[in-house]
Structures are given as C-alpha cells and as structure tokens.
Amino acid sequence: SMQMLLEMEGHAVIVAGDGIAGLEKARSETPDVVLCDLGLPGLDGYGVARALSSDPNLAEVHRVALSGYALPEDVARAKAAGFHHHLAKPASLDKLREVLAAGP
C-alpha cells in the first residue's frame, strides 16, 4: 500500500523484500530516498542504514526508517545506525510527505 501511495504522489518506487536485496537495488539504482523497515529478514534495517552510510556512492541518500519499532530507544538506535528520520507505522501520508520534503 505504501508503494501505491507514493506512486500516486508521483514518486518512482523500487521495492525489495529484504535488506540484502534492498542494498543491491540501492547500489544499482542510486535512489534519492530509502524507506526501510527495521525488522527485515537477514540484514536488518539498522545494517542497511550502516551500509548505505559507509558507501561513498550512497552516503548522501536520504534514509528514513519506517517501522513498528517506535519506542524512544528504537528511534535512538535508528538514528545511531544512520537513519535521518524515523516514522512509526502506520505513518500518515502527511507525515511521510513532510519527511520526504525535509531531506536528510
């Protein structure tokens, strides 16, 4: 549903089912923004953020955690891993627009 909402807003969306696939797609597509769940199979979202941050070609990508893990310690851990923003699921379209417009 998030993909449909973003596409209706005029964004091109690429979807990956896990952290490793997400990194591969990010490396091949160099997106402007990565929306990433934290509880991914294999490589979790924290690992994805660290990998994006340490890759010179992807370090400037706007990284947004989108997760049900939304306690203060989850938000702090996401920021420490390299996410610029953290949105709790389900994120409102207005909040998503705000974060996307804000940039890193």
C-alpha atoms as a PDB file:
ATOM      1  CA  SER A   1       0.000   0.000   0.000  1.00  0.00           C
ATOM      2  CA  MET A   2       2.928   2.363   0.683  1.00  0.00           C
ATOM      3  CA  GLN A   3       4.175   1.749  -2.846  1.00  0.00           C
ATOM      4  CA  MET A   4       0.778   2.677  -4.296  1.00  0.00           C
ATOM      5  CA  LEU A   5       0.539   5.836  -2.184  1.00  0.00           C
ATOM      6  CA  LEU A   6       3.992   7.003  -3.192  1.00  0.00           C
ATOM      7  CA  GLU A   7       3.364   6.263  -6.860  1.00  0.00           C
ATOM      8  CA  MET A   8       0.083   8.203  -6.671  1.00  0.00           C
ATOM      9  CA  GLU A   9       2.169  11.110  -5.321  1.00  0.00           C
ATOM     10  CA  GLY A  10       4.345  10.907  -8.445  1.00  0.00           C
ATOM     11  CA  HIS A  11       7.344   9.058  -7.000  1.00  0.00           C
ATOM     12  CA  ALA A  12       9.131   6.224  -8.787  1.00  0.00           C
ATOM     13  CA  VAL A  13       9.241   3.305  -6.339  1.00  0.00           C
ATOM     14  CA  ILE A  14      11.507   0.270  -6.255  1.00  0.00           C
ATOM     15  CA  VAL A  15      10.625  -2.442  -3.724  1.00  0.00           C
ATOM     16  CA  ALA A  16      12.885  -5.033  -2.101  1.00  0.00           C
ATOM     17  CA  GLY A  17      11.795  -7.835   0.220  1.00  0.00           C
ATOM     18  CA  ASP A  18      14.832  -7.911   2.494  1.00  0.00           C
ATOM     19  CA  GLY A  19      17.895  -5.918   3.484  1.00  0.00           C
ATOM     20  CA  ILE A  20      20.361  -7.593   1.136  1.00  0.00           C
ATOM     21  CA  ALA A  21      18.067  -7.125  -1.872  1.00  0.00           C
ATOM     22  CA  GLY A  22      17.453  -3.521  -0.816  1.00  0.00           C
ATOM     23  CA  LEU A  23      21.182  -2.788  -0.727  1.00  0.00           C
ATOM     24  CA  GLU A  24      21.675  -4.400  -4.129  1.00  0.00           C
ATOM     25  CA  LYS A  25      18.875  -2.297  -5.603  1.00  0.00           C
ATOM     26  CA  ALA A  26      20.210   0.863  -3.952  1.00  0.00           C
ATOM     27  CA  ARG A  27      23.656   0.189  -5.392  1.00  0.00           C
ATOM     28  CA  SER A  28      22.285  -0.345  -8.888  1.00  0.00           C
ATOM     29  CA  GLU A  29      19.678   2.447  -8.875  1.00  0.00           C
ATOM     30  CA  THR A  30      21.200   5.136  -6.553  1.00  0.00           C
ATOM     31  CA  PRO A  31      17.865   6.361  -5.159  1.00  0.00           C
ATOM     32  CA  ASP A  32      17.203   9.794  -3.671  1.00  0.00           C
ATOM     33  CA  VAL A  33      15.424   8.254  -0.672  1.00  0.00           C
ATOM     34  CA  VAL A  34      15.436   4.864   1.028  1.00  0.00           C
ATOM     35  CA  LEU A  35      12.418   3.973   3.170  1.00  0.00           C
ATOM     36  CA  CYS A  36      13.422   0.963   5.208  1.00  0.00           C
ATOM     37  CA  ASP A  37      11.755  -1.236   7.784  1.00  0.00           C
ATOM     38  CA  LEU A  38      13.912  -2.094  10.783  1.00  0.00           C
ATOM     39  CA  GLY A  39      12.755  -5.688  11.250  1.00  0.00           C
ATOM     40  CA  LEU A  40      13.909  -7.155   7.948  1.00  0.00           C
ATOM     41  CA  PRO A  41      14.928 -10.784   7.421  1.00  0.00           C
ATOM     42  CA  GLY A  42      18.648 -11.413   7.007  1.00  0.00           C
ATOM     43  CA  LEU A  43      20.218  -7.964   7.148  1.00  0.00           C
ATOM     44  CA  ASP A  44      18.022  -5.774   9.352  1.00  0.00           C
ATOM     45  CA  GLY A  45      17.264  -2.116   8.707  1.00  0.00           C
ATOM     46  CA  TYR A  46      19.992  -0.952  11.067  1.00  0.00           C
ATOM     47  CA  GLY A  47      22.547  -2.869   8.993  1.00  0.00           C
ATOM     48  CA  VAL A  48      21.094  -1.412   5.806  1.00  0.00           C
ATOM     49  CA  ALA A  49      21.476   2.131   7.162  1.00  0.00           C
ATOM     50  CA  ARG A  50      25.074   1.477   8.262  1.00  0.00           C
ATOM     51  CA  ALA A  51      25.924   0.006   4.842  1.00  0.00           C
ATOM     52  CA  LEU A  52      24.343   2.936   2.995  1.00  0.00           C
ATOM     53  CA  SER A  53      26.130   5.443   5.232  1.00  0.00           C
ATOM     54  CA  SER A  54      29.520   3.831   4.662  1.00  0.00           C
ATOM     55  CA  ASP A  55      29.181   3.525   0.878  1.00  0.00           C
ATOM     56  CA  PRO A  56      30.646   6.667  -0.764  1.00  0.00           C
ATOM     57  CA  ASN A  57      28.137   6.397  -3.625  1.00  0.00           C
ATOM     58  CA  LEU A  58      25.133   6.154  -1.276  1.00  0.00           C
ATOM     59  CA  ALA A  59      26.177   8.137   1.798  1.00  0.00           C
ATOM     60  CA  GLU A  60      24.082  11.145   0.745  1.00  0.00           C
ATOM     61  CA  VAL A  61      20.878   9.117   0.193  1.00  0.00           C
ATOM     62  CA  HIS A  62      18.041  10.318   2.432  1.00  0.00           C
ATOM     63  CA  ARG A  63      17.438   7.398   4.829  1.00  0.00           C
ATOM     64  CA  VAL A  64      14.066   7.004   6.548  1.00  0.00           C
ATOM     65  CA  ALA A  65      13.241   4.202   8.975  1.00  0.00           C
ATOM     66  CA  LEU A  66       9.598   3.144   8.727  1.00  0.00           C
ATOM     67  CA  SER A  67       8.871   0.678  11.474  1.00  0.00           C
ATOM     68  CA  GLY A  68       6.605  -0.648  14.173  1.00  0.00           C
ATOM     69  CA  TYR A  69       9.647  -0.460  16.455  1.00  0.00           C
ATOM     70  CA  ALA A  70       8.921   3.041  17.702  1.00  0.00           C
ATOM     71  CA  LEU A  71       9.941   3.252  21.348  1.00  0.00           C
ATOM     72  CA  PRO A  72      12.390   6.065  22.166  1.00  0.00           C
ATOM     73  CA  GLU A  73      15.274   3.587  22.275  1.00  0.00           C
ATOM     74  CA  ASP A  74      14.272   2.271  18.815  1.00  0.00           C
ATOM     75  CA  VAL A  75      14.309   5.798  17.401  1.00  0.00           C
ATOM     76  CA  ALA A  76      17.696   6.497  19.019  1.00  0.00           C
ATOM     77  CA  ARG A  77      19.125   3.237  17.690  1.00  0.00           C
ATOM     78  CA  ALA A  78      17.844   4.047  14.182  1.00  0.00           C
ATOM     79  CA  LYS A  79      19.465   7.490  14.284  1.00  0.00           C
ATOM     80  CA  ALA A  80      22.732   5.979  15.579  1.00  0.00           C
ATOM     81  CA  ALA A  81      22.697   3.473  12.691  1.00  0.00           C
ATOM     82  CA  GLY A  82      22.474   6.300  10.153  1.00  0.00           C
ATOM     83  CA  PHE A  83      18.804   6.993   9.518  1.00  0.00           C
ATOM     84  CA  HIS A  84      17.954  10.664   9.103  1.00  0.00           C
ATOM     85  CA  HIS A  85      14.333  10.169  10.167  1.00  0.00           C
ATOM     86  CA  HIS A  86      12.188   7.558  11.900  1.00  0.00           C
ATOM     87  CA  LEU A  87       8.476   7.131  11.202  1.00  0.00           C
ATOM     88  CA  ALA A  88       6.287   4.820  13.249  1.00  0.00           C
ATOM     89  CA  LYS A  89       3.946   2.516  11.340  1.00  0.00           C
ATOM     90  CA  PRO A  90       1.394   3.245  10.189  1.00  0.00           C
ATOM     91  CA  ALA A  91       2.791   6.589   9.071  1.00  0.00           C
ATOM     92  CA  SER A  92       0.299   9.140   7.843  1.00  0.00           C
ATOM     93  CA  LEU A  93       0.668  10.373   4.291  1.00  0.00           C
ATOM     94  CA  ASP A  94       1.048  13.919   5.618  1.00  0.00           C
ATOM     95  CA  LYS A  95       3.947  12.927   7.895  1.00  0.00           C
ATOM     96  CA  LEU A  96       5.570  10.967   5.060  1.00  0.00           C
ATOM     97  CA  ARG A  97       5.277  13.990   2.753  1.00  0.00           C
ATOM     98  CA  GLU A  98       6.818  16.188   5.441  1.00  0.00           C
ATOM     99  CA  VAL A  99       9.802  13.882   5.965  1.00  0.00           C
ATOM    100  CA  LEU A 100      10.393  13.408   2.233  1.00  0.00           C
ATOM    101  CA  ALA A 101      10.292  17.164   1.659  1.00  0.00           C
ATOM    102  CA  ALA A 102      12.645  17.834   4.570  1.00  0.00           C
ATOM    103  CA  GLY A 103      15.520  15.782   3.165  1.00  0.00           C
ATOM    104  CA  PRO A 104      18.384  14.474   5.278  1.00  0.00           C
END
